[in-house]
C-alpha cells in the first residue's frame, strides 16, 4: 500500500519539506537584578509557573552572566508572550 490516508502517493521527505525555510528561534530579553546584566534567552532557558493568583504566577531563569537564580512576576501579557514563544509551563495547584 503506497498511498497514505491523505491520498499523497510516493512523496519523499525531501520533496515534502522543499520550499520550507528554517524557523528563527524566539528569544526573550531579560535582565538580572543581582549583576544588572542584560541578555537574550531562548524559550528553553526560561520556566513559567502559573498559579491561582497573580502572586503565584512567575517566570524564572538562571542568569548566564553570574549564575543567580532569578524569579520575576508574570502578568497576563507576559504569560501570553512566554507561552506563545514555547516556554515550558508548570501549572501550580492551590493547596486545600
N, C-alpha and C. Protein backbone atom coordinates (compact mmCIF):
# COMPACT_ATOMS: atom_id res chain seq x y z
N UNK A 1 0.85 -1.18 0.00
CA UNK A 1 0.00 0.00 0.00
C UNK A 1 0.89 1.24 0.00
N UNK A 2 0.96 1.93 -1.10
CA UNK A 2 1.85 3.08 -1.20
C UNK A 2 1.11 4.40 -1.07
N UNK A 3 -0.20 4.37 -0.92
CA UNK A 3 -0.96 5.61 -0.79
C UNK A 3 -1.31 5.82 0.68
N UNK A 4 -1.08 7.02 1.18
CA UNK A 4 -1.38 7.32 2.57
C UNK A 4 -2.84 7.69 2.72
N UNK A 5 -3.26 7.90 3.95
CA UNK A 5 -4.65 8.27 4.24
C UNK A 5 -5.03 9.59 3.58
N UNK A 6 -4.06 10.48 3.39
CA UNK A 6 -4.37 11.78 2.79
C UNK A 6 -4.38 11.73 1.26
N UNK A 7 -4.04 10.58 0.69
CA UNK A 7 -4.06 10.45 -0.75
C UNK A 7 -2.75 10.84 -1.42
N UNK A 8 -1.71 11.16 -0.67
CA UNK A 8 -0.42 11.52 -1.23
C UNK A 8 0.33 10.23 -1.51
N UNK A 9 0.81 10.09 -2.73
CA UNK A 9 1.45 8.86 -3.13
C UNK A 9 2.90 9.10 -3.51
N UNK A 10 3.81 8.30 -2.97
CA UNK A 10 5.21 8.34 -3.37
C UNK A 10 5.93 9.64 -3.08
N UNK A 11 5.59 10.35 -2.03
CA UNK A 11 6.26 11.61 -1.70
C UNK A 11 7.45 11.33 -0.80
N UNK A 12 8.60 11.89 -1.17
CA UNK A 12 9.79 11.73 -0.34
C UNK A 12 9.83 12.80 0.74
N UNK A 13 10.64 12.58 1.75
CA UNK A 13 10.80 13.57 2.81
C UNK A 13 11.35 14.86 2.23
N UNK A 14 12.31 14.75 1.33
CA UNK A 14 12.92 15.94 0.72
C UNK A 14 11.88 16.76 -0.04
N UNK A 15 11.01 16.10 -0.78
CA UNK A 15 10.01 16.87 -1.53
C UNK A 15 8.93 17.42 -0.61
N UNK A 16 8.63 16.72 0.47
CA UNK A 16 7.63 17.21 1.42
C UNK A 16 8.08 18.51 2.09
N UNK A 17 9.39 18.63 2.34
CA UNK A 17 9.91 19.81 3.02
C UNK A 17 10.54 20.83 2.06
N UNK A 18 10.46 20.58 0.77
CA UNK A 18 11.02 21.51 -0.21
C UNK A 18 10.31 22.85 -0.10
N UNK A 19 11.06 23.92 -0.13
CA UNK A 19 10.49 25.25 -0.07
C UNK A 19 10.29 25.78 1.33
N UNK A 20 10.43 24.92 2.33
CA UNK A 20 10.28 25.39 3.71
C UNK A 20 11.57 26.08 4.13
N UNK A 21 11.41 27.14 4.88
CA UNK A 21 12.57 27.86 5.39
C UNK A 21 12.79 27.47 6.84
N UNK A 22 13.99 27.66 7.30
CA UNK A 22 14.26 27.40 8.71
C UNK A 22 13.57 28.47 9.55
N UNK A 23 13.18 28.09 10.74
CA UNK A 23 12.48 28.99 11.64
C UNK A 23 13.48 29.59 12.60
N UNK A 24 13.44 30.90 12.74
CA UNK A 24 14.31 31.58 13.69
C UNK A 24 13.77 31.36 15.09
N UNK A 25 14.59 30.87 16.02
CA UNK A 25 14.09 30.64 17.36
C UNK A 25 13.69 31.95 18.05
N UNK A 26 12.67 31.88 18.88
CA UNK A 26 12.21 33.04 19.63
C UNK A 26 13.21 33.31 20.75
N UNK A 27 13.56 34.58 20.93
CA UNK A 27 14.42 34.96 22.05
C UNK A 27 13.71 36.02 22.87
N UNK A 28 13.96 35.98 24.15
CA UNK A 28 13.35 36.92 25.09
C UNK A 28 14.44 37.75 25.73
N UNK A 29 14.22 39.05 25.83
CA UNK A 29 15.17 39.92 26.52
C UNK A 29 14.90 39.82 28.02
N UNK A 30 15.97 39.73 28.79
CA UNK A 30 15.83 39.61 30.24
C UNK A 30 16.98 40.35 30.91
N UNK A 31 16.82 40.55 32.19
CA UNK A 31 17.85 41.22 32.97
C UNK A 31 17.98 40.58 34.34
N UNK A 32 19.16 40.65 34.90
CA UNK A 32 19.43 40.08 36.21
C UNK A 32 19.46 41.19 37.26
N UNK A 33 18.66 41.06 38.31
CA UNK A 33 18.67 42.08 39.36
C UNK A 33 19.93 42.03 40.22
N UNK A 34 20.64 40.90 40.21
CA UNK A 34 21.86 40.78 41.02
C UNK A 34 23.06 41.46 40.39
N UNK A 35 23.37 41.09 39.15
CA UNK A 35 24.57 41.64 38.49
C UNK A 35 24.24 42.74 37.50
N UNK A 36 22.95 43.01 37.30
CA UNK A 36 22.47 44.03 36.37
C UNK A 36 22.79 43.71 34.91
N UNK A 37 23.09 42.43 34.64
CA UNK A 37 23.35 42.01 33.27
C UNK A 37 22.09 42.06 32.44
N UNK A 38 22.24 42.30 31.15
CA UNK A 38 21.13 42.32 30.21
C UNK A 38 21.48 41.35 29.08
N UNK A 39 20.56 40.49 28.70
CA UNK A 39 20.88 39.42 27.76
C UNK A 39 19.61 38.92 27.10
N UNK A 40 19.77 38.02 26.15
CA UNK A 40 18.65 37.36 25.48
C UNK A 40 18.67 35.88 25.84
N UNK A 41 17.47 35.32 26.07
CA UNK A 41 17.34 33.92 26.43
C UNK A 41 16.40 33.23 25.46
N UNK A 42 16.68 31.98 25.15
CA UNK A 42 15.76 31.18 24.35
C UNK A 42 14.67 30.63 25.25
N UNK A 43 13.62 30.12 24.64
CA UNK A 43 12.50 29.56 25.40
C UNK A 43 12.95 28.44 26.33
N UNK A 44 13.94 27.67 25.93
CA UNK A 44 14.39 26.54 26.75
C UNK A 44 15.12 26.99 28.02
N UNK A 45 15.54 28.25 28.08
CA UNK A 45 16.25 28.77 29.26
C UNK A 45 15.29 29.35 30.30
N UNK A 46 14.01 29.42 29.95
CA UNK A 46 13.01 30.00 30.84
C UNK A 46 12.02 28.95 31.32
N UNK A 47 11.44 29.18 32.48
CA UNK A 47 10.36 28.35 33.02
C UNK A 47 9.25 29.28 33.48
N UNK A 48 8.02 28.89 33.24
CA UNK A 48 6.87 29.68 33.63
C UNK A 48 6.02 28.85 34.59
N UNK A 49 5.67 29.43 35.73
CA UNK A 49 4.79 28.77 36.70
C UNK A 49 3.52 29.60 36.79
N UNK A 50 2.38 28.96 36.54
CA UNK A 50 1.10 29.65 36.59
C UNK A 50 0.35 29.17 37.83
N UNK A 51 0.14 30.10 38.75
CA UNK A 51 -0.56 29.79 39.98
C UNK A 51 -2.00 30.28 39.96
N UNK A 52 -2.65 30.14 41.09
CA UNK A 52 -4.06 30.53 41.21
C UNK A 52 -4.24 32.05 41.23
N UNK A 53 -3.20 32.78 41.61
CA UNK A 53 -3.28 34.24 41.70
C UNK A 53 -2.08 34.87 41.00
N UNK A 54 -2.13 36.17 40.87
CA UNK A 54 -1.00 36.88 40.26
C UNK A 54 0.24 36.79 41.14
N UNK A 55 0.06 36.61 42.44
CA UNK A 55 1.21 36.49 43.35
C UNK A 55 1.94 35.17 43.20
N UNK A 56 1.25 34.17 42.65
CA UNK A 56 1.87 32.85 42.50
C UNK A 56 2.15 32.51 41.04
N UNK A 57 2.10 33.51 40.16
CA UNK A 57 2.42 33.31 38.76
C UNK A 57 3.72 34.06 38.47
N UNK A 58 4.72 33.32 37.98
CA UNK A 58 6.04 33.90 37.79
C UNK A 58 6.81 33.13 36.72
N UNK A 59 7.88 33.75 36.24
CA UNK A 59 8.82 33.05 35.37
C UNK A 59 10.19 33.08 36.03
N UNK A 60 11.01 32.13 35.65
CA UNK A 60 12.34 32.04 36.27
C UNK A 60 13.37 31.61 35.23
N UNK A 61 14.62 31.94 35.56
CA UNK A 61 15.74 31.56 34.72
C UNK A 61 17.02 31.70 35.54
N UNK A 62 18.09 31.16 35.02
CA UNK A 62 19.41 31.31 35.63
C UNK A 62 20.18 32.34 34.83
N UNK A 63 20.72 33.33 35.52
CA UNK A 63 21.48 34.38 34.84
C UNK A 63 22.72 33.77 34.18
N UNK A 64 22.87 33.97 32.88
CA UNK A 64 24.06 33.43 32.19
C UNK A 64 25.34 34.16 32.56
N UNK A 65 25.24 35.35 33.13
CA UNK A 65 26.43 36.12 33.49
C UNK A 65 26.97 35.75 34.87
N UNK A 66 26.08 35.70 35.88
CA UNK A 66 26.56 35.47 37.26
C UNK A 66 26.05 34.16 37.87
N UNK A 67 25.13 33.47 37.19
CA UNK A 67 24.64 32.19 37.69
C UNK A 67 23.54 32.28 38.73
N UNK A 68 23.05 33.48 39.01
CA UNK A 68 22.00 33.66 40.02
C UNK A 68 20.67 33.09 39.51
N UNK A 69 19.90 32.53 40.41
CA UNK A 69 18.54 32.10 40.09
C UNK A 69 17.64 33.32 40.17
N UNK A 70 16.94 33.61 39.09
CA UNK A 70 16.10 34.81 39.02
C UNK A 70 14.64 34.38 38.91
N UNK A 71 13.79 35.02 39.68
CA UNK A 71 12.35 34.76 39.65
C UNK A 71 11.64 36.11 39.57
N UNK A 72 10.78 36.26 38.56
CA UNK A 72 10.08 37.53 38.35
C UNK A 72 8.59 37.27 38.17
N UNK A 73 7.76 38.22 38.63
CA UNK A 73 6.31 38.05 38.46
C UNK A 73 5.93 38.08 36.98
N UNK A 74 4.87 37.37 36.65
CA UNK A 74 4.39 37.32 35.27
C UNK A 74 2.92 37.67 35.22
N UNK A 75 2.62 38.84 34.68
CA UNK A 75 1.24 39.23 34.47
C UNK A 75 0.66 38.53 33.25
N UNK A 76 -0.57 38.85 32.94
CA UNK A 76 -1.27 38.18 31.83
C UNK A 76 -0.53 38.32 30.51
N UNK A 77 -0.01 39.51 30.22
CA UNK A 77 0.68 39.73 28.94
C UNK A 77 1.97 38.93 28.87
N UNK A 78 2.72 38.88 29.96
CA UNK A 78 3.96 38.10 29.99
C UNK A 78 3.65 36.61 29.80
N UNK A 79 2.62 36.13 30.49
CA UNK A 79 2.22 34.73 30.34
C UNK A 79 1.88 34.43 28.88
N UNK A 80 1.14 35.33 28.25
CA UNK A 80 0.77 35.16 26.85
C UNK A 80 2.00 35.10 25.94
N UNK A 81 2.94 36.01 26.15
CA UNK A 81 4.15 36.04 25.32
C UNK A 81 5.02 34.81 25.53
N UNK A 82 5.20 34.41 26.79
CA UNK A 82 6.05 33.26 27.07
C UNK A 82 5.45 31.96 26.56
N UNK A 83 4.16 31.75 26.78
CA UNK A 83 3.54 30.51 26.29
C UNK A 83 3.52 30.49 24.76
N UNK A 84 3.27 31.64 24.14
CA UNK A 84 3.29 31.72 22.68
C UNK A 84 4.66 31.49 22.10
N UNK A 85 5.70 31.78 22.89
CA UNK A 85 7.07 31.59 22.43
C UNK A 85 7.65 30.23 22.76
N UNK A 86 6.82 29.35 23.32
CA UNK A 86 7.27 27.97 23.56
C UNK A 86 7.94 27.71 24.89
N UNK A 87 7.78 28.60 25.86
CA UNK A 87 8.38 28.39 27.18
C UNK A 87 7.63 27.29 27.92
N UNK A 88 8.37 26.39 28.55
CA UNK A 88 7.76 25.31 29.33
C UNK A 88 6.96 25.90 30.48
N UNK A 89 5.76 25.36 30.68
CA UNK A 89 4.84 25.90 31.66
C UNK A 89 4.47 24.85 32.69
N UNK A 90 4.45 25.27 33.94
CA UNK A 90 4.03 24.43 35.05
C UNK A 90 2.81 25.08 35.68
N UNK A 91 1.73 24.33 35.80
CA UNK A 91 0.53 24.85 36.45
C UNK A 91 0.55 24.43 37.91
N UNK A 92 0.51 25.42 38.79
CA UNK A 92 0.54 25.15 40.21
C UNK A 92 -0.89 24.97 40.71
N UNK A 93 -1.11 23.95 41.52
CA UNK A 93 -2.44 23.69 42.08
C UNK A 93 -2.53 24.31 43.46
N UNK A 94 -3.65 24.93 43.77
CA UNK A 94 -3.80 25.53 45.11
C UNK A 94 -3.86 24.44 46.18
N UNK A 95 -3.32 24.76 47.34
CA UNK A 95 -3.40 23.82 48.46
C UNK A 95 -4.73 23.98 49.15
N UNK A 96 -5.23 22.93 49.72
CA UNK A 96 -6.52 22.98 50.39
C UNK A 96 -6.39 23.36 51.83
